[in-house]
Amino acid sequence: MTRALALAQKSYDEGGCPIGAVLADSGSGAVLGQGHNGLVQEGNPIVYGEMAAIRAAGRMGTGLEKFDRPLRVGSGRR
């Protein structure tokens, strides 16, 4: 959750919506993908933090077809 909040802060600092997401393995806790909201920065209405984390995990070939992993999302504002 700490990493998700740090990603949310990064998005906020870049002028975006403060949403960060981390996709973690439910057993080991290893981070499989992470991302933050890029809606404002990229001008794309579907660049949500959760989607960015899932796409990042998919690019790494982490076996998302099983998808028994929790998606931990944190958000915060100053």
PDB file of N, CA and C in Angstrom:
ATOM      1  N   MET A   1       0.824  -1.183   0.000  1.00  0.00           N
ATOM      2  CA  MET A   1       0.000   0.000   0.000  1.00  0.00           C
ATOM      3  C   MET A   1       0.873   1.254   0.000  1.00  0.00           C
ATOM      4  N   THR A   2       2.017   1.173   0.659  1.00  0.00           N
ATOM      5  CA  THR A   2       2.924   2.323   0.694  1.00  0.00           C
ATOM      6  C   THR A   2       3.368   2.688  -0.719  1.00  0.00           C
ATOM      7  N   ARG A   3       3.676   1.674  -1.538  1.00  0.00           N
ATOM      8  CA  ARG A   3       4.105   1.931  -2.917  1.00  0.00           C
ATOM      9  C   ARG A   3       2.972   2.540  -3.731  1.00  0.00           C
ATOM     10  N   ALA A   4       1.754   2.065  -3.551  1.00  0.00           N
ATOM     11  CA  ALA A   4       0.604   2.620  -4.267  1.00  0.00           C
ATOM     12  C   ALA A   4       0.404   4.090  -3.906  1.00  0.00           C
ATOM     13  N   LEU A   5       0.583   4.427  -2.644  1.00  0.00           N
ATOM     14  CA  LEU A   5       0.449   5.817  -2.226  1.00  0.00           C
ATOM     15  C   LEU A   5       1.566   6.685  -2.797  1.00  0.00           C
ATOM     16  N   ALA A   6       2.773   6.135  -2.893  1.00  0.00           N
ATOM     17  CA  ALA A   6       3.885   6.885  -3.501  1.00  0.00           C
ATOM     18  C   ALA A   6       3.596   7.145  -4.982  1.00  0.00           C
ATOM     19  N   LEU A   7       3.009   6.172  -5.674  1.00  0.00           N
ATOM     20  CA  LEU A   7       2.644   6.351  -7.078  1.00  0.00           C
ATOM     21  C   LEU A   7       1.524   7.381  -7.221  1.00  0.00           C
ATOM     22  N   ALA A   8       0.593   7.376  -6.277  1.00  0.00           N
ATOM     23  CA  ALA A   8      -0.473   8.384  -6.280  1.00  0.00           C
ATOM     24  C   ALA A   8       0.121   9.779  -6.128  1.00  0.00           C
ATOM     25  N   GLN A   9       1.098   9.914  -5.255  1.00  0.00           N
ATOM     26  CA  GLN A   9       1.754  11.211  -5.059  1.00  0.00           C
ATOM     27  C   GLN A   9       2.482  11.641  -6.328  1.00  0.00           C
ATOM     28  N   LYS A  10       3.122  10.686  -7.007  1.00  0.00           N
ATOM     29  CA  LYS A  10       3.824  10.983  -8.261  1.00  0.00           C
ATOM     30  C   LYS A  10       2.853  11.533  -9.297  1.00  0.00           C
ATOM     31  N   SER A  11       1.706  10.885  -9.424  1.00  0.00           N
ATOM     32  CA  SER A  11       0.694  11.350 -10.369  1.00  0.00           C
ATOM     33  C   SER A  11       0.235  12.761 -10.011  1.00  0.00           C
ATOM     34  N   TYR A  12      -0.018  12.989  -8.745  1.00  0.00           N
ATOM     35  CA  TYR A  12      -0.451  14.313  -8.274  1.00  0.00           C
ATOM     36  C   TYR A  12       0.615  15.368  -8.564  1.00  0.00           C
ATOM     37  N   ASP A  13       1.862  15.032  -8.295  1.00  0.00           N
ATOM     38  CA  ASP A  13       2.968  15.968  -8.533  1.00  0.00           C
ATOM     39  C   ASP A  13       3.114  16.319 -10.013  1.00  0.00           C
ATOM     40  N   GLU A  14       2.696  15.402 -10.886  1.00  0.00           N
ATOM     41  CA  GLU A  14       2.763  15.635 -12.326  1.00  0.00           C
ATOM     42  C   GLU A  14       1.509  16.319 -12.853  1.00  0.00           C
ATOM     43  N   GLY A  15       0.621  16.728 -11.938  1.00  0.00           N
ATOM     44  CA  GLY A  15      -0.585  17.451 -12.333  1.00  0.00           C
ATOM     45  C   GLY A  15      -1.782  16.571 -12.614  1.00  0.00           C
ATOM     46  N   GLY A  16      -1.686  15.298 -12.260  1.00  0.00           N
ATOM     47  CA  GLY A  16      -2.774  14.367 -12.526  1.00  0.00           C
ATOM     48  C   GLY A  16      -3.586  14.037 -11.296  1.00  0.00           C
ATOM     49  N   CYS A  17      -4.517  13.127 -11.484  1.00  0.00           N
ATOM     50  CA  CYS A  17      -5.356  12.629 -10.405  1.00  0.00           C
ATOM     51  C   CYS A  17      -4.513  11.716  -9.513  1.00  0.00           C
ATOM     52  N   PRO A  18      -4.599  11.863  -8.203  1.00  0.00           N
ATOM     53  CA  PRO A  18      -3.720  11.104  -7.299  1.00  0.00           C
ATOM     54  C   PRO A  18      -4.153   9.654  -7.083  1.00  0.00           C
ATOM     55  N   ILE A  19      -3.933   8.837  -8.099  1.00  0.00           N
ATOM     56  CA  ILE A  19      -4.260   7.415  -7.997  1.00  0.00           C
ATOM     57  C   ILE A  19      -3.027   6.601  -8.376  1.00  0.00           C
ATOM     58  N   GLY A  20      -2.634   5.685  -7.517  1.00  0.00           N
ATOM     59  CA  GLY A  20      -1.540   4.767  -7.805  1.00  0.00           C
ATOM     60  C   GLY A  20      -2.021   3.359  -7.530  1.00  0.00           C
ATOM     61  N   ALA A  21      -1.487   2.387  -8.263  1.00  0.00           N
ATOM     62  CA  ALA A  21      -1.921   1.010  -8.081  1.00  0.00           C
ATOM     63  C   ALA A  21      -0.734   0.065  -8.178  1.00  0.00           C
ATOM     64  N   VAL A  22      -0.801  -0.997  -7.393  1.00  0.00           N
ATOM     65  CA  VAL A  22       0.226  -2.039  -7.390  1.00  0.00           C
ATOM     66  C   VAL A  22      -0.480  -3.383  -7.476  1.00  0.00           C
ATOM     67  N   LEU A  23      -0.040  -4.216  -8.405  1.00  0.00           N
ATOM     68  CA  LEU A  23      -0.549  -5.577  -8.526  1.00  0.00           C
ATOM     69  C   LEU A  23       0.492  -6.477  -7.887  1.00  0.00           C
ATOM     70  N   ALA A  24       0.085  -7.177  -6.825  1.00  0.00           N
ATOM     71  CA  ALA A  24       1.031  -7.990  -6.059  1.00  0.00           C
ATOM     72  C   ALA A  24       0.600  -9.447  -6.033  1.00  0.00           C
ATOM     73  N   ASP A  25       1.561 -10.342  -6.010  1.00  0.00           N
ATOM     74  CA  ASP A  25       1.296 -11.760  -5.879  1.00  0.00           C
ATOM     75  C   ASP A  25       0.734 -12.032  -4.496  1.00  0.00           C
ATOM     76  N   SER A  26      -0.368 -12.759  -4.444  1.00  0.00           N
ATOM     77  CA  SER A  26      -1.030 -12.982  -3.159  1.00  0.00           C
ATOM     78  C   SER A  26      -0.221 -13.848  -2.211  1.00  0.00           C
ATOM     79  N   GLY A  27       0.665 -14.681  -2.750  1.00  0.00           N
ATOM     80  CA  GLY A  27       1.464 -15.547  -1.890  1.00  0.00           C
ATOM     81  C   GLY A  27       2.725 -14.888  -1.383  1.00  0.00           C
ATOM     82  N   SER A  28       3.524 -14.395  -2.319  1.00  0.00           N
ATOM     83  CA  SER A  28       4.835 -13.853  -1.940  1.00  0.00           C
ATOM     84  C   SER A  28       4.831 -12.357  -1.666  1.00  0.00           C
ATOM     85  N   GLY A  29       3.821 -11.665  -2.167  1.00  0.00           N
ATOM     86  CA  GLY A  29       3.797 -10.212  -2.028  1.00  0.00           C
ATOM     87  C   GLY A  29       4.663  -9.501  -3.061  1.00  0.00           C
ATOM     88  N   ALA A  30       5.255 -10.267  -3.981  1.00  0.00           N
ATOM     89  CA  ALA A  30       6.110  -9.671  -5.017  1.00  0.00           C
ATOM     90  C   ALA A  30       5.284  -8.766  -5.924  1.00  0.00           C
ATOM     91  N   VAL A  31       5.831  -7.612  -6.257  1.00  0.00           N
ATOM     92  CA  VAL A  31       5.159  -6.672  -7.147  1.00  0.00           C
ATOM     93  C   VAL A  31       5.250  -7.199  -8.572  1.00  0.00           C
ATOM     94  N   LEU A  32       4.084  -7.358  -9.215  1.00  0.00           N
ATOM     95  CA  LEU A  32       4.012  -7.867 -10.580  1.00  0.00           C
ATOM     96  C   LEU A  32       3.819  -6.744 -11.587  1.00  0.00           C
ATOM     97  N   GLY A  33       3.235  -5.663 -11.153  1.00  0.00           N
ATOM     98  CA  GLY A  33       3.000  -4.516 -12.015  1.00  0.00           C
ATOM     99  C   GLY A  33       2.594  -3.331 -11.167  1.00  0.00           C
ATOM    100  N   GLN A  34       2.881  -2.146 -11.653  1.00  0.00           N
ATOM    101  CA  GLN A  34       2.491  -0.946 -10.928  1.00  0.00           C
ATOM    102  C   GLN A  34       2.271   0.187 -11.919  1.00  0.00           C
ATOM    103  N   GLY A  35       1.519   1.162 -11.517  1.00  0.00           N
ATOM    104  CA  GLY A  35       1.276   2.304 -12.383  1.00  0.00           C
ATOM    105  C   GLY A  35       0.518   3.380 -11.641  1.00  0.00           C
ATOM    106  N   HIS A  36       0.369   4.514 -12.297  1.00  0.00           N
ATOM    107  CA  HIS A  36      -0.421   5.590 -11.713  1.00  0.00           C
ATOM    108  C   HIS A  36      -1.301   6.204 -12.771  1.00  0.00           C
ATOM    109  N   ASN A  37      -2.281   6.959 -12.335  1.00  0.00           N
ATOM    110  CA  ASN A  37      -3.226   7.583 -13.234  1.00  0.00           C
ATOM    111  C   ASN A  37      -2.494   8.527 -14.169  1.00  0.00           C
ATOM    112  N   GLY A  38      -2.709   8.366 -15.474  1.00  0.00           N
ATOM    113  CA  GLY A  38      -2.071   9.230 -16.467  1.00  0.00           C
ATOM    114  C   GLY A  38      -3.089   9.966 -17.308  1.00  0.00           C
ATOM    115  N   LEU A  39      -4.318  10.036 -16.808  1.00  0.00           N
ATOM    116  CA  LEU A  39      -5.419  10.656 -17.539  1.00  0.00           C
ATOM    117  C   LEU A  39      -5.074  12.065 -18.021  1.00  0.00           C
ATOM    118  N   VAL A  40      -4.614  12.905 -17.129  1.00  0.00           N
ATOM    119  CA  VAL A  40      -4.292  14.292 -17.468  1.00  0.00           C
ATOM    120  C   VAL A  40      -2.988  14.369 -18.250  1.00  0.00           C
ATOM    121  N   GLN A  41      -1.966  13.668 -17.777  1.00  0.00           N
ATOM    122  CA  GLN A  41      -0.644  13.741 -18.390  1.00  0.00           C
ATOM    123  C   GLN A  41      -0.657  13.261 -19.845  1.00  0.00           C
ATOM    124  N   GLU A  42      -1.400  12.206 -20.144  1.00  0.00           N
ATOM    125  CA  GLU A  42      -1.398  11.621 -21.481  1.00  0.00           C
ATOM    126  C   GLU A  42      -2.604  12.034 -22.314  1.00  0.00           C
ATOM    127  N   GLY A  43      -3.566  12.709 -21.693  1.00  0.00           N
ATOM    128  CA  GLY A  43      -4.770  13.112 -22.412  1.00  0.00           C
ATOM    129  C   GLY A  43      -5.594  11.925 -22.891  1.00  0.00           C
ATOM    130  N   ASN A  44      -5.524  10.828 -22.156  1.00  0.00           N
ATOM    131  CA  ASN A  44      -6.210   9.599 -22.532  1.00  0.00           C
ATOM    132  C   ASN A  44      -7.207   9.249 -21.431  1.00  0.00           C
ATOM    133  N   PRO A  45      -8.499   9.165 -21.757  1.00  0.00           N
ATOM    134  CA  PRO A  45      -9.519   8.941 -20.726  1.00  0.00           C
ATOM    135  C   PRO A  45      -9.515   7.556 -20.095  1.00  0.00           C
ATOM    136  N   ILE A  46      -8.686   6.635 -20.573  1.00  0.00           N
ATOM    137  CA  ILE A  46      -8.676   5.287 -19.984  1.00  0.00           C
ATOM    138  C   ILE A  46      -7.354   4.934 -19.322  1.00  0.00           C
ATOM    139  N   VAL A  47      -6.503   5.899 -19.061  1.00  0.00           N
ATOM    140  CA  VAL A  47      -5.215   5.621 -18.419  1.00  0.00           C
ATOM    141  C   VAL A  47      -5.384   5.740 -16.903  1.00  0.00           C
ATOM    142  N   TYR A  48      -6.086   4.765 -16.331  1.00  0.00           N
ATOM    143  CA  TYR A  48      -6.269   4.713 -14.887  1.00  0.00           C
ATOM    144  C   TYR A  48      -5.112   3.947 -14.267  1.00  0.00           C
ATOM    145  N   GLY A  49      -4.820   4.234 -13.016  1.00  0.00           N
ATOM    146  CA  GLY A  49      -3.717   3.575 -12.327  1.00  0.00           C
ATOM    147  C   GLY A  49      -3.849   2.066 -12.315  1.00  0.00           C
ATOM    148  N   GLU A  50      -5.064   1.588 -12.084  1.00  0.00           N
ATOM    149  CA  GLU A  50      -5.295   0.147 -12.034  1.00  0.00           C
ATOM    150  C   GLU A  50      -4.986  -0.494 -13.383  1.00  0.00           C
ATOM    151  N   MET A  51      -5.442   0.138 -14.460  1.00  0.00           N
ATOM    152  CA  MET A  51      -5.190  -0.390 -15.801  1.00  0.00           C
ATOM    153  C   MET A  51      -3.699  -0.348 -16.136  1.00  0.00           C
ATOM    154  N   ALA A  52      -3.026   0.720 -15.702  1.00  0.00           N
ATOM    155  CA  ALA A  52      -1.584   0.832 -15.942  1.00  0.00           C
ATOM    156  C   ALA A  52      -0.838  -0.301 -15.241  1.00  0.00           C
ATOM    157  N   ALA A  53      -1.262  -0.648 -14.021  1.00  0.00           N
ATOM    158  CA  ALA A  53      -0.614  -1.735 -13.273  1.00  0.00           C
ATOM    159  C   ALA A  53      -0.850  -3.079 -13.950  1.00  0.00           C
ATOM    160  N   ILE A  54      -2.062  -3.317 -14.419  1.00  0.00           N
ATOM    161  CA  ILE A  54      -2.377  -4.579 -15.087  1.00  0.00           C
ATOM    162  C   ILE A  54      -1.607  -4.690 -16.399  1.00  0.00           C
ATOM    163  N   ARG A  55      -1.561  -3.602 -17.166  1.00  0.00           N
ATOM    164  CA  ARG A  55      -0.801  -3.623 -18.428  1.00  0.00           C
ATOM    165  C   ARG A  55       0.682  -3.870 -18.176  1.00  0.00           C
ATOM    166  N   ALA A  56       1.224  -3.240 -17.143  1.00  0.00           N
ATOM    167  CA  ALA A  56       2.643  -3.429 -16.816  1.00  0.00           C
ATOM    168  C   ALA A  56       2.919  -4.888 -16.459  1.00  0.00           C
ATOM    169  N   ALA A  57       2.032  -5.489 -15.688  1.00  0.00           N
ATOM    170  CA  ALA A  57       2.203  -6.900 -15.319  1.00  0.00           C
ATOM    171  C   ALA A  57       2.109  -7.784 -16.557  1.00  0.00           C
ATOM    172  N   GLY A  58       1.187  -7.484 -17.450  1.00  0.00           N
ATOM    173  CA  GLY A  58       1.041  -8.257 -18.681  1.00  0.00           C
ATOM    174  C   GLY A  58       2.274  -8.185 -19.557  1.00  0.00           C
ATOM    175  N   ARG A  59       2.883  -6.999 -19.634  1.00  0.00           N
ATOM    176  CA  ARG A  59       4.099  -6.838 -20.437  1.00  0.00           C
ATOM    177  C   ARG A  59       5.247  -7.650 -19.860  1.00  0.00           C
ATOM    178  N   MET A  60       5.219  -7.904 -18.551  1.00  0.00           N
ATOM    179  CA  MET A  60       6.288  -8.658 -17.903  1.00  0.00           C
ATOM    180  C   MET A  60       6.053 -10.162 -18.000  1.00  0.00           C
ATOM    181  N   GLY A  61       4.908 -10.587 -18.567  1.00  0.00           N
ATOM    182  CA  GLY A  61       4.622 -12.015 -18.699  1.00  0.00           C
ATOM    183  C   GLY A  61       4.437 -12.696 -17.362  1.00  0.00           C
ATOM    184  N   THR A  62       3.650 -12.107 -16.490  1.00  0.00           N
ATOM    185  CA  THR A  62       3.500 -12.618 -15.125  1.00  0.00           C
ATOM    186  C   THR A  62       2.360 -13.617 -14.965  1.00  0.00           C
ATOM    187  N   GLY A  63       1.792 -14.110 -16.040  1.00  0.00           N
ATOM    188  CA  GLY A  63       0.742 -15.125 -15.931  1.00  0.00           C
ATOM    189  C   GLY A  63      -0.568 -14.578 -15.431  1.00  0.00           C
ATOM    190  N   LEU A  64      -0.999 -13.457 -15.975  1.00  0.00           N
ATOM    191  CA  LEU A  64      -2.239 -12.839 -15.520  1.00  0.00           C
ATOM    192  C   LEU A  64      -3.477 -13.680 -15.811  1.00  0.00           C
ATOM    193  N   GLU A  65      -3.337 -14.701 -16.649  1.00  0.00           N
ATOM    194  CA  GLU A  65      -4.500 -15.541 -16.932  1.00  0.00           C
ATOM    195  C   GLU A  65      -5.001 -16.237 -15.664  1.00  0.00           C
ATOM    196  N   LYS A  66      -4.137 -16.434 -14.695  1.00  0.00           N
ATOM    197  CA  LYS A  66      -4.548 -17.031 -13.415  1.00  0.00           C
ATOM    198  C   LYS A  66      -5.275 -16.003 -12.560  1.00  0.00           C
ATOM    199  N   PHE A  67      -4.809 -14.831 -12.542  1.00  0.00           N
ATOM    200  CA  PHE A  67      -5.343 -13.654 -11.859  1.00  0.00           C
ATOM    201  C   PHE A  67      -5.989 -13.941 -10.513  1.00  0.00           C
ATOM    202  N   ASP A  68      -5.245 -14.623  -9.645  1.00  0.00           N
ATOM    203  CA  ASP A  68      -5.696 -14.843  -8.281  1.00  0.00           C
ATOM    204  C   ASP A  68      -4.950 -13.901  -7.342  1.00  0.00           C
ATOM    205  N   ARG A  69      -4.543 -12.788  -7.893  1.00  0.00           N
ATOM    206  CA  ARG A  69      -3.724 -11.833  -7.153  1.00  0.00           C
ATOM    207  C   ARG A  69      -4.539 -10.597  -6.796  1.00  0.00           C
ATOM    208  N   PRO A  70      -4.326 -10.062  -5.614  1.00  0.00           N
ATOM    209  CA  PRO A  70      -5.074  -8.850  -5.240  1.00  0.00           C
ATOM    210  C   PRO A  70      -4.475  -7.620  -5.919  1.00  0.00           C
ATOM    211  N   LEU A  71      -5.340  -6.730  -6.340  1.00  0.00           N
ATOM    212  CA  LEU A  71      -4.908  -5.438  -6.862  1.00  0.00           C
ATOM    213  C   LEU A  71      -5.071  -4.435  -5.735  1.00  0.00           C
ATOM    214  N   ARG A  72      -3.958  -3.951  -5.237  1.00  0.00           N
ATOM    215  CA  ARG A  72      -3.994  -3.021  -4.113  1.00  0.00           C
ATOM    216  C   ARG A  72      -3.908  -1.615  -4.669  1.00  0.00           C
ATOM    217  N   VAL A  73      -4.857  -0.799  -4.314  1.00  0.00           N
ATOM    218  CA  VAL A  73      -4.939   0.556  -4.843  1.00  0.00           C
ATOM    219  C   VAL A  73      -4.894   1.541  -3.693  1.00  0.00           C
ATOM    220  N   GLY A  74      -4.085   2.570  -3.849  1.00  0.00           N
ATOM    221  CA  GLY A  74      -4.037   3.625  -2.851  1.00  0.00           C
ATOM    222  C   GLY A  74      -4.221   4.972  -3.513  1.00  0.00           C
ATOM    223  N   SER A  75      -4.882   5.855  -2.852  1.00  0.00           N
ATOM    224  CA  SER A  75      -5.040   7.210  -3.380  1.00  0.00           C
ATOM    225  C   SER A  75      -4.856   8.190  -2.237  1.00  0.00           C
ATOM    226  N   GLY A  76      -4.460   9.363  -2.580  1.00  0.00           N
ATOM    227  CA  GLY A  76      -4.279  10.365  -1.548  1.00  0.00           C
ATOM    228  C   GLY A  76      -4.064  11.746  -2.136  1.00  0.00           C
ATOM    229  N   ARG A  77      -4.378  12.740  -1.382  1.00  0.00           N
ATOM    230  CA  ARG A  77      -4.191  14.129  -1.772  1.00  0.00           C
ATOM    231  C   ARG A  77      -3.395  14.825  -0.698  1.00  0.00           C
ATOM    232  N   ARG A  78      -2.750  15.882  -1.119  1.00  0.00           N
ATOM    233  CA  ARG A  78      -2.018  16.687  -0.121  1.00  0.00           C
ATOM    234  C   ARG A  78      -2.999  17.421   0.747  1.00  0.00           C
TER     235      ARG A  78
END
